[in-house]
Amino acid sequence: MIASHLPERFRESIERWILEGIPPGRFLEAVLANDLKESFARADDVSVVELPGLVSWLYNHAPMNCWGSREIMDSWREMKRTS
C-alpha cells in the first residue's frame, strides 16, 4: 500500500495510521496534524530533509480525511476504532 518513494523509516508508521488509526511517533503526528512548527521542532536532521517528500506523499496519496489537522486526526482515529 505504501509507495516505495516514501522514506522507509516512515512507511510502517504511516501504514498503521492509515489502516488502523494507530498514532505514529510525535514527529509524524505533527506532520499529520499539519503543524509545521512542531514538525520542525520534533524532526531530526534527516527528517528535516525528508519532510517535503513526506508531505508531498501525504498530499498525493493518503486519504484526505486522515490528516490535515488535530481534529481530522481525532476523527480518523475514532472512525478506525469503531470500524
C-alpha atoms as a PDB file:
ATOM      1  CA  MET A   1       0.000   0.000   0.000  1.00  0.00           C
ATOM      2  CA  ILE A   2       2.703   2.493   0.923  1.00  0.00           C
ATOM      3  CA  ALA A   3       4.671   3.811  -2.039  1.00  0.00           C
ATOM      4  CA  SER A   4       8.318   2.894  -2.248  1.00  0.00           C
ATOM      5  CA  HIS A   5       9.380   6.534  -2.596  1.00  0.00           C
ATOM      6  CA  LEU A   6       8.102   7.268   0.915  1.00  0.00           C
ATOM      7  CA  PRO A   7      11.138   7.105   3.228  1.00  0.00           C
ATOM      8  CA  GLU A   8      11.494   3.563   4.576  1.00  0.00           C
ATOM      9  CA  ARG A   9      11.619   4.622   8.208  1.00  0.00           C
ATOM     10  CA  PHE A  10       8.171   6.213   7.961  1.00  0.00           C
ATOM     11  CA  ARG A  11       6.360   3.518   5.969  1.00  0.00           C
ATOM     12  CA  GLU A  12       5.222   1.218   8.768  1.00  0.00           C
ATOM     13  CA  SER A  13       4.057   4.069  10.984  1.00  0.00           C
ATOM     14  CA  ILE A  14       2.134   5.761   8.172  1.00  0.00           C
ATOM     15  CA  GLU A  15       0.623   2.446   7.098  1.00  0.00           C
ATOM     16  CA  ARG A  16      -0.530   1.655  10.655  1.00  0.00           C
ATOM     17  CA  TRP A  17      -2.027   5.130  10.913  1.00  0.00           C
ATOM     18  CA  ILE A  18      -3.911   4.884   7.624  1.00  0.00           C
ATOM     19  CA  LEU A  19      -5.091   1.298   8.005  1.00  0.00           C
ATOM     20  CA  GLU A  20      -5.659   1.040  11.750  1.00  0.00           C
ATOM     21  CA  GLY A  21      -5.661   4.557  13.202  1.00  0.00           C
ATOM     22  CA  ILE A  22      -2.633   3.761  15.379  1.00  0.00           C
ATOM     23  CA  PRO A  23      -0.878   7.046  16.130  1.00  0.00           C
ATOM     24  CA  PRO A  24       2.712   7.302  14.898  1.00  0.00           C
ATOM     25  CA  GLY A  25       5.544   8.952  16.786  1.00  0.00           C
ATOM     26  CA  ARG A  26       5.464  12.604  17.768  1.00  0.00           C
ATOM     27  CA  PHE A  27       7.234  13.870  14.640  1.00  0.00           C
ATOM     28  CA  LEU A  28       4.798  12.119  12.311  1.00  0.00           C
ATOM     29  CA  GLU A  29       1.848  13.187  14.444  1.00  0.00           C
ATOM     30  CA  ALA A  30       2.929  16.803  13.991  1.00  0.00           C
ATOM     31  CA  VAL A  31       3.251  16.259  10.237  1.00  0.00           C
ATOM     32  CA  LEU A  32      -0.156  14.563  10.041  1.00  0.00           C
ATOM     33  CA  ALA A  33      -1.666  17.421  12.061  1.00  0.00           C
ATOM     34  CA  ASN A  34      -0.202  19.844   9.507  1.00  0.00           C
ATOM     35  CA  ASP A  35       1.683  21.590  12.298  1.00  0.00           C
ATOM     36  CA  LEU A  36       4.794  22.948  10.595  1.00  0.00           C
ATOM     37  CA  LYS A  37       6.320  24.437  13.734  1.00  0.00           C
ATOM     38  CA  GLU A  38       6.018  21.183  15.716  1.00  0.00           C
ATOM     39  CA  SER A  39       7.161  19.123  12.727  1.00  0.00           C
ATOM     40  CA  PHE A  40      10.428  21.025  12.598  1.00  0.00           C
ATOM     41  CA  ALA A  41      10.776  21.064  16.380  1.00  0.00           C
ATOM     42  CA  ARG A  42      10.459  17.257  16.543  1.00  0.00           C
ATOM     43  CA  ALA A  43      12.474  16.428  13.411  1.00  0.00           C
ATOM     44  CA  ASP A  44      15.992  15.083  13.467  1.00  0.00           C
ATOM     45  CA  ASP A  45      18.483  16.186  10.801  1.00  0.00           C
ATOM     46  CA  VAL A  46      17.374  13.531   8.318  1.00  0.00           C
ATOM     47  CA  SER A  47      13.660  14.104   8.876  1.00  0.00           C
ATOM     48  CA  VAL A  48      14.048  17.809   8.110  1.00  0.00           C
ATOM     49  CA  VAL A  49      15.439  16.901   4.700  1.00  0.00           C
ATOM     50  CA  GLU A  50      12.711  14.284   4.109  1.00  0.00           C
ATOM     51  CA  LEU A  51       9.826  16.488   5.284  1.00  0.00           C
ATOM     52  CA  PRO A  52       8.910  17.947   1.859  1.00  0.00           C
ATOM     53  CA  GLY A  53       8.734  14.484   0.281  1.00  0.00           C
ATOM     54  CA  LEU A  54       6.715  13.132   3.186  1.00  0.00           C
ATOM     55  CA  VAL A  55       4.159  15.944   2.956  1.00  0.00           C
ATOM     56  CA  SER A  56       4.040  15.565  -0.823  1.00  0.00           C
ATOM     57  CA  TRP A  57       3.330  11.843  -0.458  1.00  0.00           C
ATOM     58  CA  LEU A  58       0.558  12.521   2.066  1.00  0.00           C
ATOM     59  CA  TYR A  59      -0.967  15.186  -0.168  1.00  0.00           C
ATOM     60  CA  ASN A  60      -0.912  12.982  -3.259  1.00  0.00           C
ATOM     61  CA  HIS A  61      -1.583   9.502  -1.851  1.00  0.00           C
ATOM     62  CA  ALA A  62      -3.017   9.456   1.677  1.00  0.00           C
ATOM     63  CA  PRO A  63      -6.772   9.633   2.267  1.00  0.00           C
ATOM     64  CA  MET A  64      -7.589  13.299   2.696  1.00  0.00           C
ATOM     65  CA  ASN A  65      -9.669  12.623   5.784  1.00  0.00           C
ATOM     66  CA  CYS A  66      -6.764  11.032   7.710  1.00  0.00           C
ATOM     67  CA  TRP A  67      -4.517  14.086   8.004  1.00  0.00           C
ATOM     68  CA  GLY A  68      -4.503  17.881   7.929  1.00  0.00           C
ATOM     69  CA  SER A  69      -5.345  18.932  11.493  1.00  0.00           C
ATOM     70  CA  ARG A  70      -5.609  17.530  15.011  1.00  0.00           C
ATOM     71  CA  GLU A  71      -9.384  17.433  14.668  1.00  0.00           C
ATOM     72  CA  ILE A  72      -9.191  15.443  11.445  1.00  0.00           C
ATOM     73  CA  MET A  73      -6.752  13.046  13.106  1.00  0.00           C
ATOM     74  CA  ASP A  74      -9.091  12.614  16.082  1.00  0.00           C
ATOM     75  CA  SER A  75     -11.974  11.793  13.731  1.00  0.00           C
ATOM     76  CA  TRP A  76      -9.832   9.321  11.776  1.00  0.00           C
ATOM     77  CA  ARG A  77      -8.664   7.583  14.947  1.00  0.00           C
ATOM     78  CA  GLU A  78     -12.253   7.315  16.220  1.00  0.00           C
ATOM     79  CA  MET A  79     -13.511   6.022  12.866  1.00  0.00           C
ATOM     80  CA  LYS A  80     -10.814   3.329  12.806  1.00  0.00           C
ATOM     81  CA  ARG A  81     -11.590   2.305  16.401  1.00  0.00           C
ATOM     82  CA  THR A  82     -15.245   1.750  15.631  1.00  0.00           C
ATOM     83  CA  SER A  83     -14.787   0.009  12.280  1.00  0.00           C
END
